[in-house]
Amino acid sequence: MDTGAATACVLIIGNEILSGKTQDTNLQFLGAELAAKGITLVEARVLRDDKAAIVTAVNQCRAAYTYVFTT
């Protein structure tokens, strides 16, 4: 049953995140801001710098959630 509640997914993109060279600082901020606006953050994914993987993830998430954010 669709309750009409807005949902979101965050795609964090970058080999530097996966290697541990860079720490993601966007997810916590986005989660708090979305919650304040009544949007439920349902999923977050970390993806390597690979065009095909990014396109696949964006297409999967846009079919499942109201909003898709990439960082």
PDB file of N, CA and C in Angstrom:
ATOM      1  N   MET A   1       0.835  -1.185   0.000  1.00  0.00           N
ATOM      2  CA  MET A   1       0.000   0.000   0.000  1.00  0.00           C
ATOM      3  C   MET A   1       0.878   1.246   0.000  1.00  0.00           C
ATOM      4  N   ASP A   2       0.670   2.128  -0.951  1.00  0.00           N
ATOM      5  CA  ASP A   2       1.436   3.365  -1.049  1.00  0.00           C
ATOM      6  C   ASP A   2       0.829   4.406  -0.123  1.00  0.00           C
ATOM      7  N   THR A   3       1.608   4.824   0.871  1.00  0.00           N
ATOM      8  CA  THR A   3       1.119   5.821   1.822  1.00  0.00           C
ATOM      9  C   THR A   3       1.395   7.234   1.341  1.00  0.00           C
ATOM     10  N   GLY A   4       2.142   7.363   0.236  1.00  0.00           N
ATOM     11  CA  GLY A   4       2.466   8.674  -0.275  1.00  0.00           C
ATOM     12  C   GLY A   4       3.630   9.328   0.432  1.00  0.00           C
ATOM     13  N   ALA A   5       4.234   8.632   1.389  1.00  0.00           N
ATOM     14  CA  ALA A   5       5.370   9.191   2.111  1.00  0.00           C
ATOM     15  C   ALA A   5       6.581   9.256   1.190  1.00  0.00           C
ATOM     16  N   ALA A   6       7.271  10.381   1.207  1.00  0.00           N
ATOM     17  CA  ALA A   6       8.454  10.555   0.367  1.00  0.00           C
ATOM     18  C   ALA A   6       9.623   9.756   0.928  1.00  0.00           C
ATOM     19  N   THR A   7      10.367   9.131   0.020  1.00  0.00           N
ATOM     20  CA  THR A   7      11.529   8.329   0.398  1.00  0.00           C
ATOM     21  C   THR A   7      12.738   8.785  -0.409  1.00  0.00           C
ATOM     22  N   ALA A   8      13.917   8.431   0.079  1.00  0.00           N
ATOM     23  CA  ALA A   8      15.135   8.846  -0.606  1.00  0.00           C
ATOM     24  C   ALA A   8      16.222   7.792  -0.492  1.00  0.00           C
ATOM     25  N   CYS A   9      17.146   7.880  -1.443  1.00  0.00           N
ATOM     26  CA  CYS A   9      18.341   7.050  -1.471  1.00  0.00           C
ATOM     27  C   CYS A   9      19.524   7.974  -1.749  1.00  0.00           C
ATOM     28  N   VAL A  10      20.655   7.700  -1.114  1.00  0.00           N
ATOM     29  CA  VAL A  10      21.880   8.459  -1.364  1.00  0.00           C
ATOM     30  C   VAL A  10      22.905   7.517  -1.981  1.00  0.00           C
ATOM     31  N   LEU A  11      23.460   7.933  -3.107  1.00  0.00           N
ATOM     32  CA  LEU A  11      24.535   7.191  -3.758  1.00  0.00           C
ATOM     33  C   LEU A  11      25.829   7.967  -3.542  1.00  0.00           C
ATOM     34  N   ILE A  12      26.735   7.372  -2.802  1.00  0.00           N
ATOM     35  CA  ILE A  12      28.028   7.984  -2.506  1.00  0.00           C
ATOM     36  C   ILE A  12      29.019   7.375  -3.489  1.00  0.00           C
ATOM     37  N   ILE A  13      29.582   8.212  -4.344  1.00  0.00           N
ATOM     38  CA  ILE A  13      30.391   7.716  -5.452  1.00  0.00           C
ATOM     39  C   ILE A  13      31.849   8.112  -5.268  1.00  0.00           C
ATOM     40  N   GLY A  14      32.731   7.125  -5.368  1.00  0.00           N
ATOM     41  CA  GLY A  14      34.150   7.451  -5.363  1.00  0.00           C
ATOM     42  C   GLY A  14      35.036   6.335  -4.856  1.00  0.00           C
ATOM     43  N   ASN A  15      36.058   6.031  -5.632  1.00  0.00           N
ATOM     44  CA  ASN A  15      37.045   5.044  -5.204  1.00  0.00           C
ATOM     45  C   ASN A  15      37.745   5.484  -3.922  1.00  0.00           C
ATOM     46  N   GLU A  16      37.903   6.801  -3.744  1.00  0.00           N
ATOM     47  CA  GLU A  16      38.582   7.314  -2.557  1.00  0.00           C
ATOM     48  C   GLU A  16      37.798   7.021  -1.279  1.00  0.00           C
ATOM     49  N   ILE A  17      36.483   6.934  -1.376  1.00  0.00           N
ATOM     50  CA  ILE A  17      35.655   6.566  -0.222  1.00  0.00           C
ATOM     51  C   ILE A  17      35.861   5.086   0.086  1.00  0.00           C
ATOM     52  N   LEU A  18      35.816   4.261  -0.948  1.00  0.00           N
ATOM     53  CA  LEU A  18      35.967   2.817  -0.765  1.00  0.00           C
ATOM     54  C   LEU A  18      37.357   2.429  -0.273  1.00  0.00           C
ATOM     55  N   SER A  19      38.369   3.187  -0.659  1.00  0.00           N
ATOM     56  CA  SER A  19      39.735   2.858  -0.245  1.00  0.00           C
ATOM     57  C   SER A  19      40.049   3.349   1.163  1.00  0.00           C
ATOM     58  N   GLY A  20      39.193   4.216   1.692  1.00  0.00           N
ATOM     59  CA  GLY A  20      39.427   4.763   3.020  1.00  0.00           C
ATOM     60  C   GLY A  20      40.277   6.025   3.017  1.00  0.00           C
ATOM     61  N   LYS A  21      40.677   6.496   1.846  1.00  0.00           N
ATOM     62  CA  LYS A  21      41.491   7.713   1.756  1.00  0.00           C
ATOM     63  C   LYS A  21      40.689   8.961   2.107  1.00  0.00           C
ATOM     64  N   THR A  22      39.385   8.910   1.845  1.00  0.00           N
ATOM     65  CA  THR A  22      38.497  10.037   2.129  1.00  0.00           C
ATOM     66  C   THR A  22      37.307   9.526   2.918  1.00  0.00           C
ATOM     67  N   GLN A  23      36.908  10.280   3.922  1.00  0.00           N
ATOM     68  CA  GLN A  23      35.754   9.917   4.730  1.00  0.00           C
ATOM     69  C   GLN A  23      34.532  10.678   4.229  1.00  0.00           C
ATOM     70  N   ASP A  24      33.422   9.973   4.057  1.00  0.00           N
ATOM     71  CA  ASP A  24      32.188  10.625   3.640  1.00  0.00           C
ATOM     72  C   ASP A  24      31.653  11.480   4.782  1.00  0.00           C
ATOM     73  N   THR A  25      31.297  12.709   4.474  1.00  0.00           N
ATOM     74  CA  THR A  25      30.710  13.597   5.474  1.00  0.00           C
ATOM     75  C   THR A  25      29.313  14.047   5.067  1.00  0.00           C
ATOM     76  N   ASN A  26      28.846  13.585   3.923  1.00  0.00           N
ATOM     77  CA  ASN A  26      27.559  14.041   3.397  1.00  0.00           C
ATOM     78  C   ASN A  26      26.358  13.261   3.921  1.00  0.00           C
ATOM     79  N   LEU A  27      26.535  11.979   4.192  1.00  0.00           N
ATOM     80  CA  LEU A  27      25.399  11.129   4.537  1.00  0.00           C
ATOM     81  C   LEU A  27      24.700  11.582   5.813  1.00  0.00           C
ATOM     82  N   GLN A  28      25.455  11.860   6.849  1.00  0.00           N
ATOM     83  CA  GLN A  28      24.845  12.292   8.108  1.00  0.00           C
ATOM     84  C   GLN A  28      24.075  13.596   7.918  1.00  0.00           C
ATOM     85  N   PHE A  29      24.675  14.544   7.200  1.00  0.00           N
ATOM     86  CA  PHE A  29      24.016  15.823   6.937  1.00  0.00           C
ATOM     87  C   PHE A  29      22.726  15.622   6.149  1.00  0.00           C
ATOM     88  N   LEU A  30      22.804  14.859   5.052  1.00  0.00           N
ATOM     89  CA  LEU A  30      21.617  14.627   4.229  1.00  0.00           C
ATOM     90  C   LEU A  30      20.520  13.908   5.010  1.00  0.00           C
ATOM     91  N   GLY A  31      20.903  12.908   5.792  1.00  0.00           N
ATOM     92  CA  GLY A  31      19.912  12.185   6.588  1.00  0.00           C
ATOM     93  C   GLY A  31      19.151  13.104   7.530  1.00  0.00           C
ATOM     94  N   ALA A  32      19.872  13.976   8.213  1.00  0.00           N
ATOM     95  CA  ALA A  32      19.234  14.905   9.150  1.00  0.00           C
ATOM     96  C   ALA A  32      18.346  15.918   8.425  1.00  0.00           C
ATOM     97  N   GLU A  33      18.842  16.462   7.318  1.00  0.00           N
ATOM     98  CA  GLU A  33      18.066  17.454   6.569  1.00  0.00           C
ATOM     99  C   GLU A  33      16.810  16.835   5.953  1.00  0.00           C
ATOM    100  N   LEU A  34      16.938  15.632   5.421  1.00  0.00           N
ATOM    101  CA  LEU A  34      15.774  14.967   4.840  1.00  0.00           C
ATOM    102  C   LEU A  34      14.735  14.653   5.916  1.00  0.00           C
ATOM    103  N   ALA A  35      15.189  14.144   7.056  1.00  0.00           N
ATOM    104  CA  ALA A  35      14.267  13.831   8.150  1.00  0.00           C
ATOM    105  C   ALA A  35      13.524  15.085   8.606  1.00  0.00           C
ATOM    106  N   ALA A  36      14.222  16.204   8.662  1.00  0.00           N
ATOM    107  CA  ALA A  36      13.594  17.465   9.076  1.00  0.00           C
ATOM    108  C   ALA A  36      12.499  17.896   8.098  1.00  0.00           C
ATOM    109  N   LYS A  37      12.600  17.421   6.861  1.00  0.00           N
ATOM    110  CA  LYS A  37      11.604  17.755   5.843  1.00  0.00           C
ATOM    111  C   LYS A  37      10.561  16.652   5.658  1.00  0.00           C
ATOM    112  N   GLY A  38      10.625  15.628   6.508  1.00  0.00           N
ATOM    113  CA  GLY A  38       9.649  14.551   6.448  1.00  0.00           C
ATOM    114  C   GLY A  38       9.928  13.511   5.379  1.00  0.00           C
ATOM    115  N   ILE A  39      11.153  13.469   4.880  1.00  0.00           N
ATOM    116  CA  ILE A  39      11.544  12.498   3.854  1.00  0.00           C
ATOM    117  C   ILE A  39      12.358  11.401   4.526  1.00  0.00           C
ATOM    118  N   THR A  40      11.952  10.157   4.334  1.00  0.00           N
ATOM    119  CA  THR A  40      12.631   9.032   4.959  1.00  0.00           C
ATOM    120  C   THR A  40      13.788   8.556   4.090  1.00  0.00           C
ATOM    121  N   LEU A  41      14.999   8.610   4.645  1.00  0.00           N
ATOM    122  CA  LEU A  41      16.166   8.064   3.949  1.00  0.00           C
ATOM    123  C   LEU A  41      16.144   6.559   4.160  1.00  0.00           C
ATOM    124  N   VAL A  42      15.926   5.821   3.088  1.00  0.00           N
ATOM    125  CA  VAL A  42      15.728   4.383   3.162  1.00  0.00           C
ATOM    126  C   VAL A  42      17.009   3.608   2.862  1.00  0.00           C
ATOM    127  N   GLU A  43      17.843   4.160   1.989  1.00  0.00           N
ATOM    128  CA  GLU A  43      19.016   3.407   1.544  1.00  0.00           C
ATOM    129  C   GLU A  43      20.163   4.348   1.221  1.00  0.00           C
ATOM    130  N   ALA A  44      21.384   3.871   1.465  1.00  0.00           N
ATOM    131  CA  ALA A  44      22.601   4.551   1.033  1.00  0.00           C
ATOM    132  C   ALA A  44      23.532   3.493   0.461  1.00  0.00           C
ATOM    133  N   ARG A  45      24.162   3.819  -0.654  1.00  0.00           N
ATOM    134  CA  ARG A  45      25.105   2.903  -1.302  1.00  0.00           C
ATOM    135  C   ARG A  45      26.413   3.643  -1.563  1.00  0.00           C
ATOM    136  N   VAL A  46      27.513   2.916  -1.455  1.00  0.00           N
ATOM    137  CA  VAL A  46      28.816   3.453  -1.828  1.00  0.00           C
ATOM    138  C   VAL A  46      29.247   2.725  -3.093  1.00  0.00           C
ATOM    139  N   LEU A  47      29.549   3.502  -4.132  1.00  0.00           N
ATOM    140  CA  LEU A  47      29.870   2.939  -5.442  1.00  0.00           C
ATOM    141  C   LEU A  47      31.263   3.343  -5.889  1.00  0.00           C
ATOM    142  N   ARG A  48      31.916   2.444  -6.608  1.00  0.00           N
ATOM    143  CA  ARG A  48      33.213   2.770  -7.197  1.00  0.00           C
ATOM    144  C   ARG A  48      33.005   3.697  -8.396  1.00  0.00           C
ATOM    145  N   ASP A  49      34.076   4.322  -8.844  1.00  0.00           N
ATOM    146  CA  ASP A  49      34.027   5.190 -10.018  1.00  0.00           C
ATOM    147  C   ASP A  49      33.940   4.335 -11.281  1.00  0.00           C
ATOM    148  N   ASP A  50      32.747   3.868 -11.565  1.00  0.00           N
ATOM    149  CA  ASP A  50      32.510   3.012 -12.724  1.00  0.00           C
ATOM    150  C   ASP A  50      31.173   3.427 -13.332  1.00  0.00           C
ATOM    151  N   LYS A  51      31.225   3.961 -14.547  1.00  0.00           N
ATOM    152  CA  LYS A  51      30.027   4.523 -15.180  1.00  0.00           C
ATOM    153  C   LYS A  51      28.867   3.535 -15.220  1.00  0.00           C
ATOM    154  N   ALA A  52      29.122   2.304 -15.629  1.00  0.00           N
ATOM    155  CA  ALA A  52      28.048   1.313 -15.744  1.00  0.00           C
ATOM    156  C   ALA A  52      27.418   1.020 -14.382  1.00  0.00           C
ATOM    157  N   ALA A  53      28.243   0.909 -13.341  1.00  0.00           N
ATOM    158  CA  ALA A  53      27.723   0.642 -11.993  1.00  0.00           C
ATOM    159  C   ALA A  53      26.890   1.817 -11.491  1.00  0.00           C
ATOM    160  N   ILE A  54      27.334   3.029 -11.793  1.00  0.00           N
ATOM    161  CA  ILE A  54      26.605   4.226 -11.362  1.00  0.00           C
ATOM    162  C   ILE A  54      25.260   4.312 -12.077  1.00  0.00           C
ATOM    163  N   VAL A  55      25.255   4.097 -13.393  1.00  0.00           N
ATOM    164  CA  VAL A  55      24.008   4.147 -14.168  1.00  0.00           C
ATOM    165  C   VAL A  55      23.025   3.100 -13.657  1.00  0.00           C
ATOM    166  N   THR A  56      23.512   1.895 -13.408  1.00  0.00           N
ATOM    167  CA  THR A  56      22.644   0.830 -12.899  1.00  0.00           C
ATOM    168  C   THR A  56      22.040   1.216 -11.553  1.00  0.00           C
ATOM    169  N   ALA A  57      22.863   1.724 -10.646  1.00  0.00           N
ATOM    170  CA  ALA A  57      22.379   2.099  -9.315  1.00  0.00           C
ATOM    171  C   ALA A  57      21.372   3.240  -9.388  1.00  0.00           C
ATOM    172  N   VAL A  58      21.648   4.250 -10.204  1.00  0.00           N
ATOM    173  CA  VAL A  58      20.714   5.374 -10.347  1.00  0.00           C
ATOM    174  C   VAL A  58      19.372   4.871 -10.871  1.00  0.00           C
ATOM    175  N   ASN A  59      19.399   4.033 -11.885  1.00  0.00           N
ATOM    176  CA  ASN A  59      18.150   3.518 -12.450  1.00  0.00           C
ATOM    177  C   ASN A  59      17.377   2.666 -11.448  1.00  0.00           C
ATOM    178  N   GLN A  60      18.071   1.831 -10.671  1.00  0.00           N
ATOM    179  CA  GLN A  60      17.402   1.020  -9.655  1.00  0.00           C
ATOM    180  C   GLN A  60      16.764   1.913  -8.593  1.00  0.00           C
ATOM    181  N   CYS A  61      17.506   2.896  -8.142  1.00  0.00           N
ATOM    182  CA  CYS A  61      17.014   3.748  -7.057  1.00  0.00           C
ATOM    183  C   CYS A  61      15.898   4.683  -7.508  1.00  0.00           C
ATOM    184  N   ARG A  62      15.998   5.209  -8.711  1.00  0.00           N
ATOM    185  CA  ARG A  62      14.938   6.121  -9.155  1.00  0.00           C
ATOM    186  C   ARG A  62      13.619   5.392  -9.378  1.00  0.00           C
ATOM    187  N   ALA A  63      13.694   4.085  -9.617  1.00  0.00           N
ATOM    188  CA  ALA A  63      12.474   3.288  -9.750  1.00  0.00           C
ATOM    189  C   ALA A  63      11.857   2.972  -8.389  1.00  0.00           C
ATOM    190  N   ALA A  64      12.667   3.027  -7.339  1.00  0.00           N
ATOM    191  CA  ALA A  64      12.202   2.595  -6.020  1.00  0.00           C
ATOM    192  C   ALA A  64      11.899   3.738  -5.050  1.00  0.00           C
ATOM    193  N   TYR A  65      12.509   4.902  -5.246  1.00  0.00           N
ATOM    194  CA  TYR A  65      12.409   5.986  -4.265  1.00  0.00           C
ATOM    195  C   TYR A  65      11.942   7.285  -4.905  1.00  0.00           C
ATOM    196  N   THR A  66      11.405   8.162  -4.087  1.00  0.00           N
ATOM    197  CA  THR A  66      10.940   9.461  -4.563  1.00  0.00           C
ATOM    198  C   THR A  66      12.105  10.331  -5.006  1.00  0.00           C
ATOM    199  N   TYR A  67      13.198  10.306  -4.227  1.00  0.00           N
ATOM    200  CA  TYR A  67      14.371  11.133  -4.502  1.00  0.00           C
ATOM    201  C   TYR A  67      15.628  10.276  -4.512  1.00  0.00           C
ATOM    202  N   VAL A  68      16.567  10.642  -5.394  1.00  0.00           N
ATOM    203  CA  VAL A  68      17.883  10.007  -5.426  1.00  0.00           C
ATOM    204  C   VAL A  68      18.919  11.124  -5.383  1.00  0.00           C
ATOM    205  N   PHE A  69      19.829  11.035  -4.424  1.00  0.00           N
ATOM    206  CA  PHE A  69      20.900  12.016  -4.285  1.00  0.00           C
ATOM    207  C   PHE A  69      22.228  11.337  -4.575  1.00  0.00           C
ATOM    208  N   THR A  70      23.114  12.042  -5.263  1.00  0.00           N
ATOM    209  CA  THR A  70      24.461  11.529  -5.492  1.00  0.00           C
ATOM    210  C   THR A  70      25.464  12.501  -4.887  1.00  0.00           C
ATOM    211  N   THR A  71      26.525  11.937  -4.317  1.00  0.00           N
ATOM    212  CA  THR A  71      27.587  12.783  -3.759  1.00  0.00           C
ATOM    213  C   THR A  71      28.920  12.259  -4.229  1.00  0.00           C
TER     214      THR A  71
END
